[in-house]
């Protein structure tokens, strides 16, 4: 009598980060620090990834020669840091975009609308130091533009910024997302942020901020509209 043998599970013992990485590579997709990889994370794997990050963070603490077994302040630091990265500051990498309800522009609104300031929090890709600032969004809708609630702009911004970011790239990513969701005639975004990689390390400059902008559609073509948008923003600094 022949007994059917169950083939060995090649995934047993393979770290979940390796499984996720292999799926991304097989799909020929990018997985830079500021990319969203939610499509490649299977149900239940975030919990396993959190455990893996905790283990590796504990290795970092050990290499820093911190006695986490006897130091009551750092006994649970590895777990706390793992939760912070996956569930909070870098959550925008591992979950899909928030569901946004879009409504038709029934009233044919076509006047400049400004949303902000929206407080945003991220971390720089270079040092994982905090980047904290504000965003203003200007939208010039047309009769075909999808209208979304004011709070939804904040949710989209939080999702984009919830990854290790470079400010210049983050603003472009947010502009692409809002443009895709709403299809306005014009879109303008201004971001002002403090980078703690400057105030916490390096030159230790406590006052410097970075301001950058993205202009799309009529904001690029019409200098008067651009000036109107910028003039309505509160003075920076």
C-alpha atoms as a PDB file:
ATOM      1  CA  UNK A   1       0.000   0.000   0.000  1.00  0.00           C
ATOM      2  CA  UNK A   2       1.320   3.394  -0.983  1.00  0.00           C
ATOM      3  CA  UNK A   3       1.039   6.117   1.650  1.00  0.00           C
ATOM      4  CA  UNK A   4       0.678   9.650   0.336  1.00  0.00           C
ATOM      5  CA  UNK A   5       3.240  11.922   1.946  1.00  0.00           C
ATOM      6  CA  UNK A   6       2.469  15.549   2.670  1.00  0.00           C
ATOM      7  CA  UNK A   7       5.076  17.707   0.954  1.00  0.00           C
ATOM      8  CA  UNK A   8       7.221  19.688   3.363  1.00  0.00           C
ATOM      9  CA  UNK A   9       6.223  23.289   3.944  1.00  0.00           C
ATOM     10  CA  UNK A  10       9.130  25.296   2.603  1.00  0.00           C
ATOM     11  CA  UNK A  11       7.845  28.385   4.429  1.00  0.00           C
ATOM     12  CA  UNK A  12       8.226  26.897   7.890  1.00  0.00           C
ATOM     13  CA  UNK A  13      10.901  28.857   9.722  1.00  0.00           C
ATOM     14  CA  UNK A  14      11.135  31.524   7.022  1.00  0.00           C
ATOM     15  CA  UNK A  15      10.896  35.041   8.499  1.00  0.00           C
ATOM     16  CA  UNK A  16       7.738  36.815   7.422  1.00  0.00           C
ATOM     17  CA  UNK A  17       9.787  39.772   6.168  1.00  0.00           C
ATOM     18  CA  UNK A  18      11.515  37.419   3.720  1.00  0.00           C
ATOM     19  CA  UNK A  19       8.170  36.086   2.457  1.00  0.00           C
ATOM     20  CA  UNK A  20       6.850  39.610   1.889  1.00  0.00           C
ATOM     21  CA  UNK A  21      10.062  40.690   0.173  1.00  0.00           C
ATOM     22  CA  UNK A  22       9.990  37.655  -2.131  1.00  0.00           C
ATOM     23  CA  UNK A  23       6.426  38.450  -3.216  1.00  0.00           C
ATOM     24  CA  UNK A  24       7.375  42.036  -4.022  1.00  0.00           C
ATOM     25  CA  UNK A  25      10.472  40.998  -5.975  1.00  0.00           C
ATOM     26  CA  UNK A  26       8.467  38.366  -7.890  1.00  0.00           C
ATOM     27  CA  UNK A  27       5.981  41.101  -8.860  1.00  0.00           C
ATOM     28  CA  UNK A  28       8.833  43.367 -10.002  1.00  0.00           C
ATOM     29  CA  UNK A  29       7.589  46.128  -7.737  1.00  0.00           C
ATOM     30  CA  UNK A  30       9.602  48.675  -5.786  1.00  0.00           C
ATOM     31  CA  UNK A  31       9.738  48.638  -1.994  1.00  0.00           C
ATOM     32  CA  UNK A  32      11.570  51.814  -1.077  1.00  0.00           C
ATOM     33  CA  UNK A  33      11.088  53.291   2.367  1.00  0.00           C
ATOM     34  CA  UNK A  34       8.219  55.542   1.247  1.00  0.00           C
ATOM     35  CA  UNK A  35       6.386  52.895  -0.812  1.00  0.00           C
ATOM     36  CA  UNK A  36       3.157  51.244   0.290  1.00  0.00           C
ATOM     37  CA  UNK A  37       3.482  47.433   0.299  1.00  0.00           C
ATOM     38  CA  UNK A  38       0.054  46.507   1.682  1.00  0.00           C
ATOM     39  CA  UNK A  39      -0.787  44.412  -1.400  1.00  0.00           C
ATOM     40  CA  UNK A  40       1.963  41.969  -0.433  1.00  0.00           C
ATOM     41  CA  UNK A  41       1.164  41.579   3.262  1.00  0.00           C
ATOM     42  CA  UNK A  42      -1.187  38.653   3.867  1.00  0.00           C
ATOM     43  CA  UNK A  43      -3.792  38.589   6.671  1.00  0.00           C
ATOM     44  CA  UNK A  44      -2.174  37.919  10.040  1.00  0.00           C
ATOM     45  CA  UNK A  45       1.346  38.686   8.866  1.00  0.00           C
ATOM     46  CA  UNK A  46       1.593  42.117  10.472  1.00  0.00           C
ATOM     47  CA  UNK A  47       1.455  40.497  13.909  1.00  0.00           C
ATOM     48  CA  UNK A  48       4.269  38.135  12.920  1.00  0.00           C
ATOM     49  CA  UNK A  49       6.227  41.032  11.430  1.00  0.00           C
ATOM     50  CA  UNK A  50       5.843  42.949  14.686  1.00  0.00           C
ATOM     51  CA  UNK A  51       7.352  39.998  16.576  1.00  0.00           C
ATOM     52  CA  UNK A  52      10.230  39.877  14.098  1.00  0.00           C
ATOM     53  CA  UNK A  53      10.932  43.612  14.401  1.00  0.00           C
ATOM     54  CA  UNK A  54      10.856  43.294  18.190  1.00  0.00           C
ATOM     55  CA  UNK A  55      13.468  40.528  18.075  1.00  0.00           C
ATOM     56  CA  UNK A  56      15.749  42.527  15.820  1.00  0.00           C
ATOM     57  CA  UNK A  57      15.253  45.696  17.848  1.00  0.00           C
ATOM     58  CA  UNK A  58      16.287  43.764  20.914  1.00  0.00           C
ATOM     59  CA  UNK A  59      19.468  42.904  19.025  1.00  0.00           C
ATOM     60  CA  UNK A  60      20.089  46.613  18.450  1.00  0.00           C
ATOM     61  CA  UNK A  61      19.667  47.330  22.169  1.00  0.00           C
ATOM     62  CA  UNK A  62      22.031  44.480  23.007  1.00  0.00           C
ATOM     63  CA  UNK A  63      24.604  45.875  20.573  1.00  0.00           C
ATOM     64  CA  UNK A  64      24.242  49.272  22.245  1.00  0.00           C
ATOM     65  CA  UNK A  65      25.218  47.499  25.478  1.00  0.00           C
ATOM     66  CA  UNK A  66      21.977  48.319  27.278  1.00  0.00           C
ATOM     67  CA  UNK A  67      21.073  45.937  30.084  1.00  0.00           C
ATOM     68  CA  UNK A  68      17.395  45.546  29.231  1.00  0.00           C
ATOM     69  CA  UNK A  69      17.011  42.630  31.656  1.00  0.00           C
ATOM     70  CA  UNK A  70      17.884  44.703  34.689  1.00  0.00           C
ATOM     71  CA  UNK A  71      17.081  48.242  33.526  1.00  0.00           C
ATOM     72  CA  UNK A  72      13.401  48.759  34.314  1.00  0.00           C
ATOM     73  CA  UNK A  73      13.232  51.679  31.849  1.00  0.00           C
ATOM     74  CA  UNK A  74      14.190  49.614  28.797  1.00  0.00           C
ATOM     75  CA  UNK A  75      12.790  46.195  29.655  1.00  0.00           C
ATOM     76  CA  UNK A  76       9.976  46.503  27.126  1.00  0.00           C
ATOM     77  CA  UNK A  77      11.583  49.011  24.770  1.00  0.00           C
ATOM     78  CA  UNK A  78      12.066  46.587  21.877  1.00  0.00           C
ATOM     79  CA  UNK A  79       8.336  45.765  21.841  1.00  0.00           C
ATOM     80  CA  UNK A  80       7.329  49.406  22.196  1.00  0.00           C
ATOM     81  CA  UNK A  81       9.563  50.460  19.303  1.00  0.00           C
ATOM     82  CA  UNK A  82       8.259  47.656  17.100  1.00  0.00           C
ATOM     83  CA  UNK A  83       4.665  48.720  17.785  1.00  0.00           C
ATOM     84  CA  UNK A  84       5.534  52.353  17.153  1.00  0.00           C
ATOM     85  CA  UNK A  85       7.063  51.620  13.756  1.00  0.00           C
ATOM     86  CA  UNK A  86       4.466  49.173  12.421  1.00  0.00           C
ATOM     87  CA  UNK A  87       1.268  50.466  14.036  1.00  0.00           C
ATOM     88  CA  UNK A  88       1.932  54.185  14.171  1.00  0.00           C
ATOM     89  CA  UNK A  89       4.675  56.165  12.444  1.00  0.00           C
ATOM     90  CA  UNK A  90       5.197  53.777   9.497  1.00  0.00           C
ATOM     91  CA  UNK A  91       1.657  52.404   9.321  1.00  0.00           C
ATOM     92  CA  UNK A  92       1.185  53.977   5.892  1.00  0.00           C
ATOM     93  CA  UNK A  93       3.551  51.387   4.431  1.00  0.00           C
ATOM     94  CA  UNK A  94       1.608  48.328   5.557  1.00  0.00           C
ATOM     95  CA  UNK A  95      -2.094  49.195   5.213  1.00  0.00           C
ATOM     96  CA  UNK A  96      -4.161  50.188   2.212  1.00  0.00           C
ATOM     97  CA  UNK A  97      -5.283  53.766   1.639  1.00  0.00           C
ATOM     98  CA  UNK A  98      -8.214  54.872   3.806  1.00  0.00           C
ATOM     99  CA  UNK A  99     -11.615  54.468   2.234  1.00  0.00           C
ATOM    100  CA  UNK A 100     -12.706  57.838   0.887  1.00  0.00           C
ATOM    101  CA  UNK A 101     -16.309  58.541  -0.028  1.00  0.00           C
ATOM    102  CA  UNK A 102     -16.451  60.715  -3.127  1.00  0.00           C
ATOM    103  CA  UNK A 103     -19.489  62.757  -4.161  1.00  0.00           C
ATOM    104  CA  UNK A 104     -20.285  64.330  -7.533  1.00  0.00           C
ATOM    105  CA  UNK A 105     -19.945  68.100  -7.745  1.00  0.00           C
ATOM    106  CA  UNK A 106     -23.726  68.602  -7.936  1.00  0.00           C
ATOM    107  CA  UNK A 107     -23.515  72.367  -7.391  1.00  0.00           C
ATOM    108  CA  UNK A 108     -20.798  72.772 -10.026  1.00  0.00           C
ATOM    109  CA  UNK A 109     -18.452  74.447  -7.556  1.00  0.00           C
ATOM    110  CA  UNK A 110     -15.546  76.122  -9.321  1.00  0.00           C
ATOM    111  CA  UNK A 111     -14.055  78.486  -6.733  1.00  0.00           C
ATOM    112  CA  UNK A 112     -10.740  78.096  -4.952  1.00  0.00           C
ATOM    113  CA  UNK A 113     -10.954  75.970  -1.796  1.00  0.00           C
ATOM    114  CA  UNK A 114      -8.134  75.744   0.742  1.00  0.00           C
ATOM    115  CA  UNK A 115      -7.839  73.028   3.387  1.00  0.00           C
ATOM    116  CA  UNK A 116      -5.389  73.447   6.233  1.00  0.00           C
ATOM    117  CA  UNK A 117      -3.357  73.602   8.190  1.00  0.00           C
ATOM    118  CA  UNK A 118      -3.236  69.811   8.476  1.00  0.00           C
ATOM    119  CA  UNK A 119      -0.701  68.671  11.058  1.00  0.00           C
ATOM    120  CA  UNK A 120       1.441  65.840   9.698  1.00  0.00           C
ATOM    121  CA  UNK A 121       4.018  63.603  11.328  1.00  0.00           C
ATOM    122  CA  UNK A 122       6.595  61.451   9.619  1.00  0.00           C
ATOM    123  CA  UNK A 123      10.236  60.408   9.903  1.00  0.00           C
ATOM    124  CA  UNK A 124      13.117  61.162   7.568  1.00  0.00           C
ATOM    125  CA  UNK A 125      14.437  58.243   5.551  1.00  0.00           C
ATOM    126  CA  UNK A 126      18.036  59.098   6.406  1.00  0.00           C
ATOM    127  CA  UNK A 127      18.011  58.911  10.198  1.00  0.00           C
ATOM    128  CA  UNK A 128      14.442  57.932  11.176  1.00  0.00           C
ATOM    129  CA  UNK A 129      14.231  61.217  13.078  1.00  0.00           C
ATOM    130  CA  UNK A 130      10.817  62.917  13.327  1.00  0.00           C
ATOM    131  CA  UNK A 131       9.533  65.278  10.651  1.00  0.00           C
ATOM    132  CA  UNK A 132       6.625  67.307  12.003  1.00  0.00           C
ATOM    133  CA  UNK A 133       4.834  70.083  10.208  1.00  0.00           C
ATOM    134  CA  UNK A 134       1.744  71.398   8.476  1.00  0.00           C
ATOM    135  CA  UNK A 135       0.212  71.082   5.033  1.00  0.00           C
ATOM    136  CA  UNK A 136      -2.143  73.397   3.141  1.00  0.00           C
ATOM    137  CA  UNK A 137      -4.061  72.068   0.146  1.00  0.00           C
ATOM    138  CA  UNK A 138      -5.632  74.268  -2.511  1.00  0.00           C
ATOM    139  CA  UNK A 139      -8.183  72.788  -4.894  1.00  0.00           C
ATOM    140  CA  UNK A 140      -9.894  74.395  -7.876  1.00  0.00           C
ATOM    141  CA  UNK A 141     -12.740  72.021  -8.740  1.00  0.00           C
ATOM    142  CA  UNK A 142     -14.743  71.728 -11.936  1.00  0.00           C
ATOM    143  CA  UNK A 143     -18.186  70.267 -12.613  1.00  0.00           C
ATOM    144  CA  UNK A 144     -16.683  66.802 -13.021  1.00  0.00           C
ATOM    145  CA  UNK A 145     -14.521  66.935  -9.881  1.00  0.00           C
ATOM    146  CA  UNK A 146     -15.237  64.421  -7.143  1.00  0.00           C
ATOM    147  CA  UNK A 147     -15.899  66.187  -3.833  1.00  0.00           C
ATOM    148  CA  UNK A 148     -14.499  64.686  -0.619  1.00  0.00           C
ATOM    149  CA  UNK A 149     -14.986  65.781   2.979  1.00  0.00           C
ATOM    150  CA  UNK A 150     -12.431  68.053   4.642  1.00  0.00           C
ATOM    151  CA  UNK A 151     -11.364  65.372   7.128  1.00  0.00           C
ATOM    152  CA  UNK A 152     -10.585  63.018   4.251  1.00  0.00           C
ATOM    153  CA  UNK A 153      -7.735  65.253   3.096  1.00  0.00           C
ATOM    154  CA  UNK A 154      -6.196  64.817   6.547  1.00  0.00           C
ATOM    155  CA  UNK A 155      -6.595  61.034   6.360  1.00  0.00           C
ATOM    156  CA  UNK A 156      -4.912  60.868   2.970  1.00  0.00           C
ATOM    157  CA  UNK A 157      -2.071  63.088   4.210  1.00  0.00           C
ATOM    158  CA  UNK A 158      -1.616  60.922   7.295  1.00  0.00           C
ATOM    159  CA  UNK A 159      -1.467  57.770   5.150  1.00  0.00           C
ATOM    160  CA  UNK A 160       1.181  59.211   2.819  1.00  0.00           C
ATOM    161  CA  UNK A 161       3.264  60.693   5.625  1.00  0.00           C
ATOM    162  CA  UNK A 162       3.081  57.479   7.679  1.00  0.00           C
ATOM    163  CA  UNK A 163       6.285  56.153   6.082  1.00  0.00           C
ATOM    164  CA  UNK A 164       9.960  57.062   6.182  1.00  0.00           C
ATOM    165  CA  UNK A 165       9.878  60.071   3.886  1.00  0.00           C
ATOM    166  CA  UNK A 166      11.781  62.827   2.168  1.00  0.00           C
ATOM    167  CA  UNK A 167       9.622  65.947   2.331  1.00  0.00           C
ATOM    168  CA  UNK A 168       9.957  66.800  -1.362  1.00  0.00           C
ATOM    169  CA  UNK A 169       8.822  63.314  -2.373  1.00  0.00           C
ATOM    170  CA  UNK A 170       6.023  63.156   0.213  1.00  0.00           C
ATOM    171  CA  UNK A 171       4.330  66.274  -1.175  1.00  0.00           C
ATOM    172  CA  UNK A 172       4.463  64.868  -4.710  1.00  0.00           C
ATOM    173  CA  UNK A 173       2.992  61.548  -3.536  1.00  0.00           C
ATOM    174  CA  UNK A 174       0.152  63.357  -1.783  1.00  0.00           C
ATOM    175  CA  UNK A 175      -0.516  65.509  -4.839  1.00  0.00           C
ATOM    176  CA  UNK A 176      -0.665  62.421  -7.083  1.00  0.00           C
ATOM    177  CA  UNK A 177      -3.121  60.749  -4.697  1.00  0.00           C
ATOM    178  CA  UNK A 178      -5.476  63.737  -4.383  1.00  0.00           C
ATOM    179  CA  UNK A 179      -5.329  64.349  -8.134  1.00  0.00           C
ATOM    180  CA  UNK A 180      -6.308  60.729  -8.761  1.00  0.00           C
ATOM    181  CA  UNK A 181      -9.153  60.821  -6.226  1.00  0.00           C
ATOM    182  CA  UNK A 182     -10.732  64.158  -7.169  1.00  0.00           C
ATOM    183  CA  UNK A 183      -9.627  65.157 -10.711  1.00  0.00           C
ATOM    184  CA  UNK A 184      -9.712  68.950 -10.124  1.00  0.00           C
ATOM    185  CA  UNK A 185      -8.738  71.639 -12.626  1.00  0.00           C
ATOM    186  CA  UNK A 186      -5.979  72.699 -10.280  1.00  0.00           C
ATOM    187  CA  UNK A 187      -4.203  71.420  -7.197  1.00  0.00           C
ATOM    188  CA  UNK A 188      -1.669  73.163  -4.979  1.00  0.00           C
ATOM    189  CA  UNK A 189       0.053  71.838  -1.865  1.00  0.00           C
ATOM    190  CA  UNK A 190       2.415  73.657   0.472  1.00  0.00           C
ATOM    191  CA  UNK A 191       4.204  71.906   3.311  1.00  0.00           C
ATOM    192  CA  UNK A 192       6.234  73.459   6.121  1.00  0.00           C
ATOM    193  CA  UNK A 193       8.040  71.110   8.515  1.00  0.00           C
ATOM    194  CA  UNK A 194      10.715  70.870  11.153  1.00  0.00           C
ATOM    195  CA  UNK A 195      13.271  68.126  10.623  1.00  0.00           C
ATOM    196  CA  UNK A 196      14.617  66.754  13.857  1.00  0.00           C
ATOM    197  CA  UNK A 197      17.650  65.288  12.116  1.00  0.00           C
ATOM    198  CA  UNK A 198      18.855  68.913  12.187  1.00  0.00           C
ATOM    199  CA  UNK A 199      17.805  69.887  15.703  1.00  0.00           C
ATOM    200  CA  UNK A 200      18.546  66.551  17.434  1.00  0.00           C
ATOM    201  CA  UNK A 201      21.825  65.756  15.684  1.00  0.00           C
ATOM    202  CA  UNK A 202      24.213  67.278  13.143  1.00  0.00           C
ATOM    203  CA  UNK A 203      24.234  71.076  13.215  1.00  0.00           C
ATOM    204  CA  UNK A 204      21.610  71.126  16.015  1.00  0.00           C
ATOM    205  CA  UNK A 205      19.767  74.034  14.411  1.00  0.00           C
ATOM    206  CA  UNK A 206      16.547  74.403  16.397  1.00  0.00           C
ATOM    207  CA  UNK A 207      14.850  77.022  14.214  1.00  0.00           C
ATOM    208  CA  UNK A 208      15.259  75.905  10.593  1.00  0.00           C
ATOM    209  CA  UNK A 209      12.227  74.646   8.700  1.00  0.00           C
ATOM    210  CA  UNK A 210      11.743  73.393   5.185  1.00  0.00           C
ATOM    211  CA  UNK A 211       8.957  74.744   2.972  1.00  0.00           C
ATOM    212  CA  UNK A 212       8.128  73.268  -0.403  1.00  0.00           C
ATOM    213  CA  UNK A 213       5.204  73.191  -2.784  1.00  0.00           C
ATOM    214  CA  UNK A 214       3.640  71.323  -5.672  1.00  0.00           C
ATOM    215  CA  UNK A 215       1.452  73.061  -8.248  1.00  0.00           C
ATOM    216  CA  UNK A 216      -0.712  71.201 -10.746  1.00  0.00           C
ATOM    217  CA  UNK A 217      -3.065  72.233 -13.547  1.00  0.00           C
ATOM    218  CA  UNK A 218      -4.262  75.839 -13.556  1.00  0.00           C
ATOM    219  CA  UNK A 219      -2.087  76.682 -10.552  1.00  0.00           C
ATOM    220  CA  UNK A 220       0.882  76.204 -12.890  1.00  0.00           C
ATOM    221  CA  UNK A 221      -0.646  78.135 -15.780  1.00  0.00           C
ATOM    222  CA  UNK A 222      -2.330  81.022 -13.963  1.00  0.00           C
ATOM    223  CA  UNK A 223       0.032  83.184 -11.887  1.00  0.00           C
ATOM    224  CA  UNK A 224      -2.881  85.188 -10.460  1.00  0.00           C
ATOM    225  CA  UNK A 225      -4.515  82.059  -9.048  1.00  0.00           C
ATOM    226  CA  UNK A 226      -1.194  80.919  -7.656  1.00  0.00           C
ATOM    227  CA  UNK A 227      -0.652  84.288  -5.977  1.00  0.00           C
ATOM    228  CA  UNK A 228      -4.189  84.201  -4.554  1.00  0.00           C
ATOM    229  CA  UNK A 229      -3.590  80.770  -3.019  1.00  0.00           C
ATOM    230  CA  UNK A 230      -0.236  81.710  -1.513  1.00  0.00           C
ATOM    231  CA  UNK A 231      -1.556  85.052  -0.223  1.00  0.00           C
ATOM    232  CA  UNK A 232      -4.366  83.292   1.670  1.00  0.00           C
ATOM    233  CA  UNK A 233      -1.955  81.083   3.594  1.00  0.00           C
ATOM    234  CA  UNK A 234      -0.855  82.244   7.049  1.00  0.00           C
ATOM    235  CA  UNK A 235       2.646  83.632   7.169  1.00  0.00           C
ATOM    236  CA  UNK A 236       5.197  80.890   7.749  1.00  0.00           C
ATOM    237  CA  UNK A 237       7.631  80.708  10.620  1.00  0.00           C
END
